[in-house]
């Protein structure tokens, strides 16, 4: 089992974090808006699909 010096570990973590290319504020905003729009579209799609399936099942079973 290898033991690691905590200070050396923290130095390595800082080195790796400095290599990360972080997105700009604008890129983050655009990505967030795109995700929210896709969530809304998916929600509407599944709502409509659920209503259609429910209507078809009721029609097939004649439960009204």
N, C-alpha and C. Protein backbone atom coordinates (compact mmCIF):
# COMPACT_ATOMS: atom_id res chain seq x y z
N UNK A 1 0.85 -1.18 0.00
CA UNK A 1 0.00 0.00 0.00
C UNK A 1 0.89 1.23 0.00
N UNK A 2 0.65 2.10 -0.95
CA UNK A 2 1.48 3.30 -1.08
C UNK A 2 0.92 4.41 -0.21
N UNK A 3 1.81 5.10 0.47
CA UNK A 3 1.39 6.25 1.27
C UNK A 3 1.86 7.51 0.56
N UNK A 4 1.02 8.52 0.55
CA UNK A 4 1.33 9.77 -0.13
C UNK A 4 1.37 10.89 0.88
N UNK A 5 2.35 11.74 0.71
CA UNK A 5 2.48 12.91 1.57
C UNK A 5 1.34 13.87 1.24
N UNK A 6 0.54 14.28 2.23
CA UNK A 6 -0.59 15.18 1.96
C UNK A 6 -0.18 16.48 1.28
N UNK A 7 0.97 17.04 1.65
CA UNK A 7 1.42 18.28 1.03
C UNK A 7 1.75 18.07 -0.44
N UNK A 8 2.40 16.95 -0.75
CA UNK A 8 2.72 16.63 -2.14
C UNK A 8 1.43 16.42 -2.93
N UNK A 9 0.48 15.76 -2.33
CA UNK A 9 -0.81 15.54 -2.98
C UNK A 9 -1.48 16.86 -3.33
N UNK A 10 -1.51 17.79 -2.37
CA UNK A 10 -2.13 19.09 -2.62
C UNK A 10 -1.41 19.87 -3.71
N UNK A 11 -0.09 19.77 -3.76
CA UNK A 11 0.67 20.42 -4.82
C UNK A 11 0.28 19.85 -6.19
N UNK A 12 0.16 18.53 -6.26
CA UNK A 12 -0.21 17.89 -7.52
C UNK A 12 -1.63 18.27 -7.94
N UNK A 13 -2.51 18.38 -6.98
CA UNK A 13 -3.88 18.79 -7.28
C UNK A 13 -3.88 20.21 -7.85
N UNK A 14 -3.13 21.10 -7.24
CA UNK A 14 -3.07 22.49 -7.74
C UNK A 14 -2.49 22.54 -9.14
N UNK A 15 -1.49 21.71 -9.41
CA UNK A 15 -0.91 21.67 -10.76
C UNK A 15 -1.94 21.21 -11.78
N UNK A 16 -2.70 20.18 -11.44
CA UNK A 16 -3.70 19.66 -12.37
C UNK A 16 -4.84 20.65 -12.59
N UNK A 17 -5.25 21.33 -11.52
CA UNK A 17 -6.33 22.31 -11.65
C UNK A 17 -5.89 23.48 -12.52
N UNK A 18 -4.63 23.84 -12.46
CA UNK A 18 -4.15 24.95 -13.29
C UNK A 18 -4.14 24.58 -14.77
N UNK A 19 -4.14 23.28 -15.10
CA UNK A 19 -4.15 22.83 -16.49
C UNK A 19 -5.55 22.82 -17.10
N UNK A 20 -6.56 22.91 -16.26
CA UNK A 20 -7.94 22.84 -16.73
C UNK A 20 -8.29 24.13 -17.47
N UNK A 21 -8.95 23.98 -18.63
CA UNK A 21 -9.42 25.18 -19.33
C UNK A 21 -10.87 25.41 -18.92
N UNK A 22 -11.08 26.40 -18.08
CA UNK A 22 -12.39 26.69 -17.54
C UNK A 22 -13.19 27.49 -18.55
N UNK A 23 -14.50 27.23 -18.66
CA UNK A 23 -15.32 27.99 -19.61
C UNK A 23 -15.50 29.43 -19.14
N UNK A 24 -15.71 30.31 -20.13
CA UNK A 24 -15.94 31.70 -19.78
C UNK A 24 -17.35 31.86 -19.22
N UNK A 25 -17.63 33.03 -18.68
CA UNK A 25 -18.95 33.30 -18.13
C UNK A 25 -20.01 33.19 -19.23
N UNK A 26 -19.69 33.69 -20.43
CA UNK A 26 -20.63 33.66 -21.55
C UNK A 26 -20.90 32.22 -21.99
N UNK A 27 -19.86 31.40 -22.08
CA UNK A 27 -20.03 29.99 -22.46
C UNK A 27 -20.90 29.26 -21.44
N UNK A 28 -20.70 29.54 -20.17
CA UNK A 28 -21.50 28.91 -19.12
C UNK A 28 -22.95 29.35 -19.22
N UNK A 29 -23.19 30.62 -19.46
CA UNK A 29 -24.55 31.14 -19.60
C UNK A 29 -25.26 30.50 -20.80
N UNK A 30 -24.57 30.45 -21.94
CA UNK A 30 -25.17 29.88 -23.15
C UNK A 30 -25.49 28.40 -22.93
N UNK A 31 -24.57 27.67 -22.32
CA UNK A 31 -24.81 26.24 -22.06
C UNK A 31 -25.98 26.04 -21.11
N UNK A 32 -26.08 26.87 -20.09
CA UNK A 32 -27.17 26.76 -19.13
C UNK A 32 -28.52 27.02 -19.79
N UNK A 33 -28.58 28.05 -20.62
CA UNK A 33 -29.82 28.37 -21.33
C UNK A 33 -30.19 27.23 -22.27
N UNK A 34 -29.22 26.68 -22.97
CA UNK A 34 -29.49 25.56 -23.88
C UNK A 34 -30.04 24.36 -23.13
N UNK A 35 -29.48 24.06 -21.98
CA UNK A 35 -29.96 22.93 -21.18
C UNK A 35 -31.39 23.18 -20.71
N UNK A 36 -31.67 24.38 -20.24
CA UNK A 36 -33.02 24.70 -19.78
C UNK A 36 -34.04 24.59 -20.92
N UNK A 37 -33.68 25.08 -22.11
CA UNK A 37 -34.58 24.97 -23.26
C UNK A 37 -34.83 23.50 -23.61
N UNK A 38 -33.79 22.69 -23.60
CA UNK A 38 -33.95 21.27 -23.91
C UNK A 38 -34.81 20.56 -22.86
N UNK A 39 -34.67 20.94 -21.60
CA UNK A 39 -35.50 20.36 -20.54
C UNK A 39 -36.96 20.71 -20.75
N UNK A 40 -37.22 21.95 -21.12
CA UNK A 40 -38.60 22.37 -21.38
C UNK A 40 -39.18 21.62 -22.57
N UNK A 41 -38.40 21.50 -23.65
CA UNK A 41 -38.87 20.78 -24.84
C UNK A 41 -39.14 19.32 -24.50
N UNK A 42 -38.23 18.68 -23.77
CA UNK A 42 -38.42 17.27 -23.40
C UNK A 42 -39.65 17.12 -22.50
N UNK A 43 -39.85 18.04 -21.58
CA UNK A 43 -41.01 17.97 -20.68
C UNK A 43 -42.31 18.07 -21.47
N UNK A 44 -42.37 19.00 -22.41
CA UNK A 44 -43.57 19.15 -23.24
C UNK A 44 -43.80 17.89 -24.07
N UNK A 45 -42.73 17.35 -24.66
CA UNK A 45 -42.84 16.14 -25.47
C UNK A 45 -43.42 14.99 -24.64
N UNK A 46 -42.87 14.76 -23.45
CA UNK A 46 -43.35 13.65 -22.63
C UNK A 46 -44.75 13.89 -22.09
N UNK A 47 -45.11 15.14 -21.84
CA UNK A 47 -46.48 15.45 -21.43
C UNK A 47 -47.45 15.09 -22.55
N UNK A 48 -47.14 15.51 -23.77
CA UNK A 48 -48.01 15.21 -24.91
C UNK A 48 -48.07 13.71 -25.15
N UNK A 49 -46.90 13.03 -25.11
CA UNK A 49 -46.88 11.59 -25.34
C UNK A 49 -47.71 10.86 -24.28
N UNK A 50 -47.62 11.28 -23.03
CA UNK A 50 -48.38 10.66 -21.96
C UNK A 50 -49.88 10.87 -22.17
N UNK A 51 -50.27 12.06 -22.59
CA UNK A 51 -51.69 12.34 -22.82
C UNK A 51 -52.23 11.51 -23.98
N UNK A 52 -51.44 11.37 -25.05
CA UNK A 52 -51.87 10.58 -26.21
C UNK A 52 -52.01 9.11 -25.82
N UNK A 53 -51.03 8.58 -25.11
CA UNK A 53 -51.09 7.18 -24.69
C UNK A 53 -52.28 6.96 -23.75
N UNK A 54 -52.50 7.88 -22.83
CA UNK A 54 -53.63 7.77 -21.92
C UNK A 54 -54.94 7.78 -22.70
N UNK A 55 -55.07 8.67 -23.67
CA UNK A 55 -56.28 8.74 -24.49
C UNK A 55 -56.49 7.44 -25.27
N UNK A 56 -55.40 6.89 -25.85
CA UNK A 56 -55.51 5.64 -26.61
C UNK A 56 -55.93 4.47 -25.71
N UNK A 57 -55.37 4.39 -24.51
CA UNK A 57 -55.73 3.32 -23.60
C UNK A 57 -57.20 3.45 -23.19
N UNK A 58 -57.63 4.64 -22.87
CA UNK A 58 -59.03 4.85 -22.52
C UNK A 58 -59.95 4.49 -23.68
N UNK A 59 -59.54 4.84 -24.89
CA UNK A 59 -60.33 4.52 -26.08
C UNK A 59 -60.42 3.02 -26.29
N UNK A 60 -59.29 2.33 -26.10
CA UNK A 60 -59.27 0.88 -26.29
C UNK A 60 -60.09 0.16 -25.23
N UNK A 61 -60.09 0.67 -24.01
CA UNK A 61 -60.80 0.00 -22.91
C UNK A 61 -62.21 0.58 -22.72
N UNK A 62 -62.53 1.59 -23.47
CA UNK A 62 -63.85 2.26 -23.38
C UNK A 62 -64.18 2.67 -21.95
N UNK A 63 -63.24 3.32 -21.29
CA UNK A 63 -63.44 3.80 -19.91
C UNK A 63 -63.63 5.31 -19.97
N UNK A 64 -64.80 5.75 -20.10
CA UNK A 64 -65.04 7.19 -20.09
C UNK A 64 -66.24 7.52 -19.31
